[in-house]
Amino acid sequence: MNMRMDEANKRILKALIGNSRISSRDLAKEVGYSHQTVLSRLKKLEGDGVIQGYTSRVNWKRLGRPVKVITMVETGNTSPEDLQRVEAIVQGDETIVMSGLMSGEFDMFFFQCFKDEDEAAERNIELRGKLSKIFNIHKFRTHTLWNIMKGDLMPHPDIVK
């Protein structure tokens, strides 16, 4: 079910994306609606699953993981059982901050953050080896990301120890 996104909801979401720690009173002032209106809309946005949680932006450089890469994999075949095995790999790897299935030339992607290029190379070889035990890999492409212009890569909870 798609929720209707009127101007008020868009303004609330935009403000929260900019600062998820903003108080509801300050949020009301920022978006120009009453505190009660903002509270009821937040409750509805949360209840409808539009807002799934509140989080922080992470400075990967400050965490000692400035090297960001995206790896794309083409297997040609992804059964539900195989995907469960991939999910176990993903959940066990703190360098993978985002992953998913995709359409087009590749079947899946992995965003990872590393302390340096050596770790990136070593862990990428390791990831390919683990995936090769599940799939017949047709293509495995890794690219270093120099600058993320929009959006955030969210940390795996185990990255901060």
N, C-alpha and C. Protein backbone atom coordinates (compact mmCIF):
# COMPACT_ATOMS: atom_id res chain seq x y z
N MET A 1 0.84 -1.18 0.00
CA MET A 1 0.00 0.00 0.00
C MET A 1 0.88 1.24 0.00
N ASN A 2 0.64 2.14 -0.93
CA ASN A 2 1.36 3.40 -0.99
C ASN A 2 0.62 4.44 -0.17
N MET A 3 1.36 5.14 0.66
CA MET A 3 0.77 6.20 1.46
C MET A 3 0.78 7.50 0.66
N ARG A 4 -0.28 8.26 0.77
CA ARG A 4 -0.36 9.55 0.09
C ARG A 4 0.66 10.50 0.71
N MET A 5 1.51 11.05 -0.12
CA MET A 5 2.55 11.95 0.35
C MET A 5 2.17 13.39 0.00
N ASP A 6 1.42 14.02 0.89
CA ASP A 6 1.08 15.41 0.65
C ASP A 6 2.26 16.30 1.04
N GLU A 7 2.09 17.60 0.85
CA GLU A 7 3.17 18.55 1.10
C GLU A 7 3.65 18.50 2.55
N ALA A 8 2.73 18.35 3.49
CA ALA A 8 3.11 18.31 4.92
C ALA A 8 4.00 17.11 5.20
N ASN A 9 3.61 15.94 4.73
CA ASN A 9 4.42 14.74 4.96
C ASN A 9 5.79 14.85 4.29
N LYS A 10 5.82 15.42 3.09
CA LYS A 10 7.10 15.60 2.40
C LYS A 10 8.02 16.52 3.19
N ARG A 11 7.48 17.59 3.73
CA ARG A 11 8.29 18.53 4.51
C ARG A 11 8.81 17.88 5.79
N ILE A 12 7.96 17.11 6.43
CA ILE A 12 8.37 16.41 7.65
C ILE A 12 9.49 15.42 7.35
N LEU A 13 9.31 14.62 6.31
CA LEU A 13 10.33 13.63 5.96
C LEU A 13 11.65 14.30 5.57
N LYS A 14 11.57 15.35 4.78
CA LYS A 14 12.78 16.04 4.36
C LYS A 14 13.54 16.58 5.58
N ALA A 15 12.82 17.16 6.52
CA ALA A 15 13.45 17.69 7.73
C ALA A 15 14.08 16.56 8.55
N LEU A 16 13.41 15.43 8.67
CA LEU A 16 13.95 14.29 9.43
C LEU A 16 15.17 13.69 8.74
N ILE A 17 15.16 13.65 7.42
CA ILE A 17 16.34 13.14 6.71
C ILE A 17 17.54 14.03 6.99
N GLY A 18 17.30 15.33 7.10
CA GLY A 18 18.38 16.26 7.41
C GLY A 18 18.85 16.17 8.85
N ASN A 19 17.95 15.83 9.77
CA ASN A 19 18.30 15.75 11.19
C ASN A 19 17.31 14.84 11.90
N SER A 20 17.67 13.59 12.05
CA SER A 20 16.75 12.62 12.68
C SER A 20 16.64 12.81 14.19
N ARG A 21 17.49 13.66 14.77
CA ARG A 21 17.45 13.89 16.21
C ARG A 21 16.64 15.12 16.61
N ILE A 22 16.07 15.79 15.63
CA ILE A 22 15.30 17.00 15.91
C ILE A 22 14.11 16.67 16.81
N SER A 23 13.83 17.54 17.77
CA SER A 23 12.68 17.31 18.65
C SER A 23 11.40 17.56 17.85
N SER A 24 10.31 16.98 18.29
CA SER A 24 9.05 17.16 17.58
C SER A 24 8.61 18.63 17.60
N ARG A 25 8.91 19.34 18.68
CA ARG A 25 8.56 20.77 18.75
C ARG A 25 9.38 21.57 17.73
N ASP A 26 10.68 21.31 17.65
CA ASP A 26 11.52 22.01 16.67
C ASP A 26 11.14 21.61 15.25
N LEU A 27 10.77 20.35 15.07
CA LEU A 27 10.33 19.89 13.76
C LEU A 27 9.07 20.65 13.35
N ALA A 28 8.13 20.82 14.27
CA ALA A 28 6.90 21.55 13.98
C ALA A 28 7.23 22.99 13.54
N LYS A 29 8.15 23.63 14.26
CA LYS A 29 8.55 25.00 13.89
C LYS A 29 9.18 25.03 12.50
N GLU A 30 10.05 24.05 12.24
CA GLU A 30 10.77 24.02 10.96
C GLU A 30 9.84 23.83 9.77
N VAL A 31 8.85 22.96 9.93
CA VAL A 31 7.97 22.66 8.78
C VAL A 31 6.74 23.56 8.74
N GLY A 32 6.51 24.34 9.82
CA GLY A 32 5.41 25.31 9.81
C GLY A 32 4.04 24.73 10.11
N TYR A 33 4.00 23.67 10.90
CA TYR A 33 2.73 23.07 11.30
C TYR A 33 2.69 23.01 12.83
N SER A 34 1.50 22.82 13.37
CA SER A 34 1.38 22.75 14.83
C SER A 34 2.08 21.49 15.35
N HIS A 35 2.46 21.56 16.60
CA HIS A 35 3.10 20.42 17.25
C HIS A 35 2.20 19.19 17.18
N GLN A 36 0.92 19.36 17.47
CA GLN A 36 -0.03 18.24 17.45
C GLN A 36 -0.15 17.63 16.05
N THR A 37 -0.17 18.48 15.03
CA THR A 37 -0.24 17.98 13.65
C THR A 37 0.99 17.14 13.32
N VAL A 38 2.16 17.65 13.69
CA VAL A 38 3.40 16.92 13.42
C VAL A 38 3.41 15.59 14.17
N LEU A 39 3.01 15.60 15.44
CA LEU A 39 2.99 14.35 16.21
C LEU A 39 2.05 13.32 15.59
N SER A 40 0.86 13.74 15.18
CA SER A 40 -0.08 12.78 14.59
C SER A 40 0.42 12.27 13.25
N ARG A 41 1.05 13.14 12.47
CA ARG A 41 1.59 12.70 11.18
C ARG A 41 2.79 11.76 11.37
N LEU A 42 3.64 12.05 12.34
CA LEU A 42 4.76 11.14 12.63
C LEU A 42 4.25 9.77 13.02
N LYS A 43 3.25 9.73 13.89
CA LYS A 43 2.68 8.46 14.33
C LYS A 43 2.13 7.67 13.14
N LYS A 44 1.45 8.38 12.23
CA LYS A 44 0.90 7.71 11.05
C LYS A 44 2.02 7.25 10.11
N LEU A 45 3.02 8.09 9.89
CA LEU A 45 4.15 7.71 9.02
C LEU A 45 4.88 6.50 9.60
N GLU A 46 5.04 6.45 10.91
CA GLU A 46 5.68 5.30 11.56
C GLU A 46 4.78 4.07 11.47
N GLY A 47 3.50 4.24 11.78
CA GLY A 47 2.55 3.12 11.74
C GLY A 47 2.40 2.51 10.37
N ASP A 48 2.47 3.35 9.34
CA ASP A 48 2.35 2.86 7.96
C ASP A 48 3.67 2.33 7.40
N GLY A 49 4.73 2.41 8.21
CA GLY A 49 6.02 1.87 7.77
C GLY A 49 6.80 2.79 6.85
N VAL A 50 6.35 4.03 6.66
CA VAL A 50 7.11 4.97 5.85
C VAL A 50 8.39 5.33 6.60
N ILE A 51 8.26 5.64 7.88
CA ILE A 51 9.42 5.85 8.73
C ILE A 51 9.67 4.54 9.46
N GLN A 52 10.80 3.92 9.17
CA GLN A 52 11.11 2.62 9.75
C GLN A 52 12.05 2.73 10.94
N GLY A 53 12.58 3.90 11.18
CA GLY A 53 13.49 4.09 12.29
C GLY A 53 14.22 5.40 12.14
N TYR A 54 15.01 5.74 13.12
CA TYR A 54 15.78 6.97 13.13
C TYR A 54 17.24 6.57 13.30
N THR A 55 18.11 7.23 12.57
CA THR A 55 19.50 6.80 12.56
C THR A 55 20.45 7.98 12.49
N SER A 56 21.72 7.69 12.47
CA SER A 56 22.76 8.71 12.40
C SER A 56 23.55 8.55 11.12
N ARG A 57 24.10 9.66 10.62
CA ARG A 57 25.02 9.59 9.49
C ARG A 57 26.40 9.27 10.04
N VAL A 58 27.10 8.43 9.33
CA VAL A 58 28.41 7.98 9.80
C VAL A 58 29.50 8.55 8.90
N ASN A 59 30.54 9.07 9.52
CA ASN A 59 31.72 9.53 8.78
C ASN A 59 32.68 8.34 8.74
N TRP A 60 32.71 7.65 7.61
CA TRP A 60 33.50 6.43 7.49
C TRP A 60 34.99 6.69 7.65
N LYS A 61 35.44 7.87 7.22
CA LYS A 61 36.85 8.21 7.39
C LYS A 61 37.22 8.25 8.86
N ARG A 62 36.37 8.88 9.67
CA ARG A 62 36.62 8.98 11.11
C ARG A 62 36.57 7.63 11.81
N LEU A 63 35.83 6.69 11.22
CA LEU A 63 35.78 5.34 11.77
C LEU A 63 36.97 4.50 11.31
N GLY A 64 37.84 5.11 10.52
CA GLY A 64 39.01 4.38 10.03
C GLY A 64 38.68 3.47 8.86
N ARG A 65 37.60 3.78 8.14
CA ARG A 65 37.21 2.99 6.97
C ARG A 65 36.90 3.91 5.79
N PRO A 66 37.93 4.60 5.28
CA PRO A 66 37.70 5.58 4.22
C PRO A 66 37.51 4.98 2.82
N VAL A 67 37.91 3.73 2.62
CA VAL A 67 37.83 3.13 1.28
C VAL A 67 36.46 2.48 1.11
N LYS A 68 35.69 3.02 0.16
CA LYS A 68 34.35 2.52 -0.11
C LYS A 68 34.33 1.87 -1.49
N VAL A 69 33.75 0.69 -1.58
CA VAL A 69 33.67 0.00 -2.87
C VAL A 69 32.26 -0.53 -3.10
N ILE A 70 31.94 -0.69 -4.36
CA ILE A 70 30.73 -1.39 -4.75
C ILE A 70 31.16 -2.57 -5.58
N THR A 71 30.64 -3.73 -5.25
CA THR A 71 30.91 -4.94 -6.00
C THR A 71 29.59 -5.43 -6.58
N MET A 72 29.60 -5.74 -7.87
CA MET A 72 28.41 -6.25 -8.54
C MET A 72 28.72 -7.65 -9.05
N VAL A 73 27.75 -8.53 -8.89
CA VAL A 73 27.95 -9.94 -9.22
C VAL A 73 26.84 -10.42 -10.14
N GLU A 74 27.24 -11.13 -11.20
CA GLU A 74 26.28 -11.78 -12.09
C GLU A 74 26.43 -13.28 -11.92
N THR A 75 25.32 -13.92 -11.57
CA THR A 75 25.33 -15.37 -11.40
C THR A 75 24.46 -16.07 -12.43
N GLY A 76 23.41 -15.37 -12.87
CA GLY A 76 22.49 -15.97 -13.82
C GLY A 76 21.44 -16.84 -13.17
N ASN A 77 21.63 -17.16 -11.88
CA ASN A 77 20.67 -18.03 -11.21
C ASN A 77 20.71 -17.75 -9.71
N THR A 78 19.58 -17.34 -9.15
CA THR A 78 19.52 -17.08 -7.72
C THR A 78 18.28 -17.73 -7.14
N SER A 79 18.44 -18.91 -6.57
CA SER A 79 17.32 -19.60 -5.94
C SER A 79 17.12 -19.04 -4.53
N PRO A 80 15.93 -19.19 -3.96
CA PRO A 80 15.69 -18.72 -2.58
C PRO A 80 16.68 -19.32 -1.57
N GLU A 81 17.04 -20.58 -1.76
CA GLU A 81 17.99 -21.23 -0.84
C GLU A 81 19.37 -20.58 -0.95
N ASP A 82 19.79 -20.32 -2.19
CA ASP A 82 21.09 -19.68 -2.40
C ASP A 82 21.11 -18.28 -1.79
N LEU A 83 20.00 -17.56 -1.93
CA LEU A 83 19.94 -16.20 -1.39
C LEU A 83 20.00 -16.21 0.14
N GLN A 84 19.45 -17.23 0.76
CA GLN A 84 19.56 -17.36 2.22
C GLN A 84 21.02 -17.55 2.62
N ARG A 85 21.75 -18.31 1.84
CA ARG A 85 23.18 -18.50 2.12
C ARG A 85 23.96 -17.21 1.94
N VAL A 86 23.60 -16.43 0.91
CA VAL A 86 24.24 -15.13 0.69
C VAL A 86 23.91 -14.20 1.86
N GLU A 87 22.67 -14.22 2.32
CA GLU A 87 22.29 -13.37 3.44
C GLU A 87 23.11 -13.69 4.68
N ALA A 88 23.40 -14.95 4.90
CA ALA A 88 24.23 -15.34 6.04
C ALA A 88 25.65 -14.77 5.89
N ILE A 89 26.17 -14.78 4.68
CA ILE A 89 27.50 -14.18 4.42
C ILE A 89 27.46 -12.69 4.72
N VAL A 90 26.43 -12.02 4.20
CA VAL A 90 26.29 -10.58 4.39
C VAL A 90 26.19 -10.22 5.87
N GLN A 91 25.35 -10.94 6.60
CA GLN A 91 25.16 -10.65 8.02
C GLN A 91 26.43 -10.88 8.83
N GLY A 92 27.28 -11.78 8.38
CA GLY A 92 28.51 -12.07 9.09
C GLY A 92 29.70 -11.21 8.70
N ASP A 93 29.52 -10.29 7.77
CA ASP A 93 30.63 -9.47 7.28
C ASP A 93 30.40 -8.01 7.63
N GLU A 94 31.13 -7.50 8.61
CA GLU A 94 30.92 -6.13 9.07
C GLU A 94 31.35 -5.08 8.05
N THR A 95 32.10 -5.46 7.02
CA THR A 95 32.48 -4.49 6.01
C THR A 95 31.34 -4.20 5.03
N ILE A 96 30.37 -5.11 4.93
CA ILE A 96 29.24 -4.91 4.01
C ILE A 96 28.21 -4.05 4.72
N VAL A 97 28.04 -2.82 4.21
CA VAL A 97 27.10 -1.90 4.85
C VAL A 97 25.75 -1.86 4.13
N MET A 98 25.70 -2.37 2.91
CA MET A 98 24.46 -2.45 2.16
C MET A 98 24.62 -3.50 1.08
N SER A 99 23.56 -4.26 0.84
CA SER A 99 23.59 -5.23 -0.24
C SER A 99 22.16 -5.47 -0.71
N GLY A 100 22.03 -6.03 -1.89
CA GLY A 100 20.70 -6.31 -2.39
C GLY A 100 20.73 -6.94 -3.76
N LEU A 101 19.54 -7.27 -4.23
CA LEU A 101 19.38 -7.81 -5.58
C LEU A 101 19.12 -6.65 -6.52
N MET A 102 19.45 -6.86 -7.79
CA MET A 102 19.25 -5.81 -8.78
C MET A 102 18.88 -6.42 -10.12
N SER A 103 18.31 -5.60 -10.97
CA SER A 103 17.99 -6.06 -12.32
C SER A 103 19.09 -5.57 -13.27
N GLY A 104 19.05 -6.08 -14.47
CA GLY A 104 20.04 -5.67 -15.46
C GLY A 104 21.13 -6.71 -15.61
N GLU A 105 22.30 -6.25 -15.94
CA GLU A 105 23.43 -7.13 -16.24
C GLU A 105 23.87 -7.94 -15.01
N PHE A 106 23.73 -7.36 -13.83
CA PHE A 106 24.18 -8.02 -12.60
C PHE A 106 22.99 -8.40 -11.74
N ASP A 107 23.17 -9.41 -10.90
CA ASP A 107 22.09 -9.92 -10.05
C ASP A 107 22.07 -9.30 -8.66
N MET A 108 23.25 -8.96 -8.13
CA MET A 108 23.33 -8.46 -6.77
C MET A 108 24.48 -7.48 -6.63
N PHE A 109 24.40 -6.68 -5.55
CA PHE A 109 25.46 -5.71 -5.29
C PHE A 109 25.81 -5.72 -3.81
N PHE A 110 27.02 -5.25 -3.52
CA PHE A 110 27.52 -5.14 -2.16
C PHE A 110 28.26 -3.81 -2.03
N PHE A 111 27.84 -2.96 -1.09
CA PHE A 111 28.61 -1.77 -0.72
C PHE A 111 29.43 -2.14 0.49
N GLN A 112 30.73 -1.85 0.44
CA GLN A 112 31.61 -2.19 1.55
C GLN A 112 32.50 -1.01 1.90
N CYS A 113 32.92 -0.93 3.17
CA CYS A 113 33.85 0.10 3.63
C CYS A 113 35.05 -0.58 4.28
N PHE A 114 36.26 -0.12 3.91
CA PHE A 114 37.50 -0.74 4.38
C PHE A 114 38.45 0.30 4.93
N LYS A 115 39.44 -0.19 5.70
CA LYS A 115 40.44 0.74 6.27
C LYS A 115 41.46 1.18 5.22
N ASP A 116 41.75 0.31 4.24
CA ASP A 116 42.71 0.67 3.19
C ASP A 116 42.52 -0.23 1.97
N GLU A 117 43.27 0.07 0.93
CA GLU A 117 43.13 -0.69 -0.32
C GLU A 117 43.53 -2.15 -0.16
N ASP A 118 44.52 -2.42 0.69
CA ASP A 118 44.94 -3.80 0.92
C ASP A 118 43.82 -4.63 1.53
N GLU A 119 43.16 -4.07 2.54
CA GLU A 119 42.03 -4.78 3.15
C GLU A 119 40.92 -4.98 2.12
N ALA A 120 40.67 -3.94 1.30
CA ALA A 120 39.63 -4.05 0.28
C ALA A 120 39.93 -5.20 -0.68
N ALA A 121 41.17 -5.29 -1.14
CA ALA A 121 41.55 -6.35 -2.08
C ALA A 121 41.42 -7.73 -1.42
N GLU A 122 41.93 -7.85 -0.21
CA GLU A 122 41.90 -9.13 0.51
C GLU A 122 40.47 -9.58 0.79
N ARG A 123 39.65 -8.68 1.30
CA ARG A 123 38.29 -9.05 1.66
C ARG A 123 37.42 -9.29 0.43
N ASN A 124 37.74 -8.62 -0.68
CA ASN A 124 36.98 -8.83 -1.90
C ASN A 124 37.26 -10.21 -2.48
N ILE A 125 38.52 -10.63 -2.42
CA ILE A 125 38.88 -11.99 -2.85
C ILE A 125 38.15 -13.00 -1.97
N GLU A 126 38.09 -12.72 -0.68
CA GLU A 126 37.40 -13.58 0.27
C GLU A 126 35.90 -13.67 -0.07
N LEU A 127 35.28 -12.52 -0.36
CA LEU A 127 33.86 -12.51 -0.71
C LEU A 127 33.61 -13.31 -1.99
N ARG A 128 34.47 -13.12 -2.98
CA ARG A 128 34.31 -13.88 -4.23
C ARG A 128 34.41 -15.39 -3.96
N GLY A 129 35.36 -15.77 -3.12
CA GLY A 129 35.50 -17.19 -2.78
C GLY A 129 34.26 -17.76 -2.12
N LYS A 130 33.69 -17.01 -1.17
CA LYS A 130 32.47 -17.47 -0.48
C LYS A 130 31.30 -17.58 -1.45
N LEU A 131 31.15 -16.57 -2.32
CA LEU A 131 30.05 -16.60 -3.28
C LEU A 131 30.24 -17.69 -4.32
N SER A 132 31.48 -17.99 -4.67
CA SER A 132 31.77 -19.04 -5.66
C SER A 132 31.36 -20.42 -5.16
N LYS A 133 31.29 -20.58 -3.85
CA LYS A 133 30.84 -21.86 -3.28
C LYS A 133 29.33 -22.03 -3.42
N ILE A 134 28.63 -20.90 -3.68
CA ILE A 134 27.17 -20.93 -3.82
C ILE A 134 26.75 -20.87 -5.29
N PHE A 135 27.41 -20.01 -6.05
CA PHE A 135 27.03 -19.74 -7.44
C PHE A 135 28.16 -20.04 -8.41
N ASN A 136 27.78 -20.22 -9.67
CA ASN A 136 28.72 -20.19 -10.77
C ASN A 136 28.77 -18.73 -11.20
N ILE A 137 29.77 -17.99 -10.75
CA ILE A 137 29.85 -16.55 -11.00
C ILE A 137 30.27 -16.28 -12.45
N HIS A 138 29.43 -15.53 -13.16
CA HIS A 138 29.73 -15.15 -14.54
C HIS A 138 30.58 -13.88 -14.56
N LYS A 139 30.20 -12.89 -13.72
CA LYS A 139 30.94 -11.62 -13.65
C LYS A 139 31.01 -11.18 -12.20
N PHE A 140 32.15 -10.59 -11.85
CA PHE A 140 32.39 -10.07 -10.50
C PHE A 140 33.15 -8.77 -10.69
N ARG A 141 32.48 -7.64 -10.52
CA ARG A 141 33.10 -6.34 -10.78
C ARG A 141 33.13 -5.52 -9.50
N THR A 142 34.29 -4.97 -9.20
CA THR A 142 34.45 -4.11 -8.03
C THR A 142 34.94 -2.75 -8.48
N HIS A 143 34.32 -1.71 -7.92
CA HIS A 143 34.69 -0.33 -8.24
C HIS A 143 34.88 0.43 -6.93
N THR A 144 35.90 1.26 -6.88
CA THR A 144 36.12 2.13 -5.73
C THR A 144 35.27 3.38 -5.90
N LEU A 145 34.60 3.78 -4.82
CA LEU A 145 33.79 5.00 -4.83
C LEU A 145 34.63 6.14 -4.28
N TRP A 146 34.80 7.19 -5.04
CA TRP A 146 35.62 8.32 -4.60
C TRP A 146 34.81 9.34 -3.83
N ASN A 147 33.58 9.53 -4.25
CA ASN A 147 32.77 10.55 -3.61
C ASN A 147 31.30 10.16 -3.72
N ILE A 148 30.64 10.09 -2.61
CA ILE A 148 29.20 9.82 -2.62
C ILE A 148 28.52 11.18 -2.58
N MET A 149 27.83 11.51 -3.65
CA MET A 149 27.25 12.85 -3.79
C MET A 149 25.92 12.99 -3.08
N LYS A 150 25.20 11.89 -2.91
CA LYS A 150 23.90 11.96 -2.25
C LYS A 150 23.64 10.63 -1.57
N GLY A 151 23.14 10.68 -0.35
CA GLY A 151 22.80 9.47 0.36
C GLY A 151 23.88 9.07 1.34
N ASP A 152 23.54 8.13 2.17
CA ASP A 152 24.44 7.64 3.20
C ASP A 152 24.51 6.12 3.15
N LEU A 153 25.67 5.59 3.42
CA LEU A 153 25.81 4.15 3.60
C LEU A 153 25.69 3.90 5.10
N MET A 154 24.72 3.15 5.49
CA MET A 154 24.47 2.92 6.91
C MET A 154 25.40 1.84 7.44
N PRO A 155 25.88 1.99 8.63
CA PRO A 155 26.83 1.02 9.17
C PRO A 155 26.17 -0.26 9.64
N HIS A 156 26.87 -1.35 9.48
CA HIS A 156 26.50 -2.60 10.11
C HIS A 156 26.71 -2.39 11.62
N PRO A 157 25.81 -2.86 12.47
CA PRO A 157 25.96 -2.60 13.92
C PRO A 157 27.30 -3.05 14.49
N ASP A 158 27.93 -4.04 13.90
CA ASP A 158 29.20 -4.54 14.44
C ASP A 158 30.40 -3.70 14.05
N ILE A 159 30.20 -2.71 13.18
CA ILE A 159 31.35 -1.91 12.71
C ILE A 159 31.89 -1.04 13.81
N VAL A 160 31.05 -0.61 14.74
CA VAL A 160 31.46 0.26 15.84
C VAL A 160 31.65 -0.62 17.06
N LYS A 161 32.90 -0.83 17.42
CA LYS A 161 33.20 -1.72 18.55
C LYS A 161 33.80 -0.96 19.68
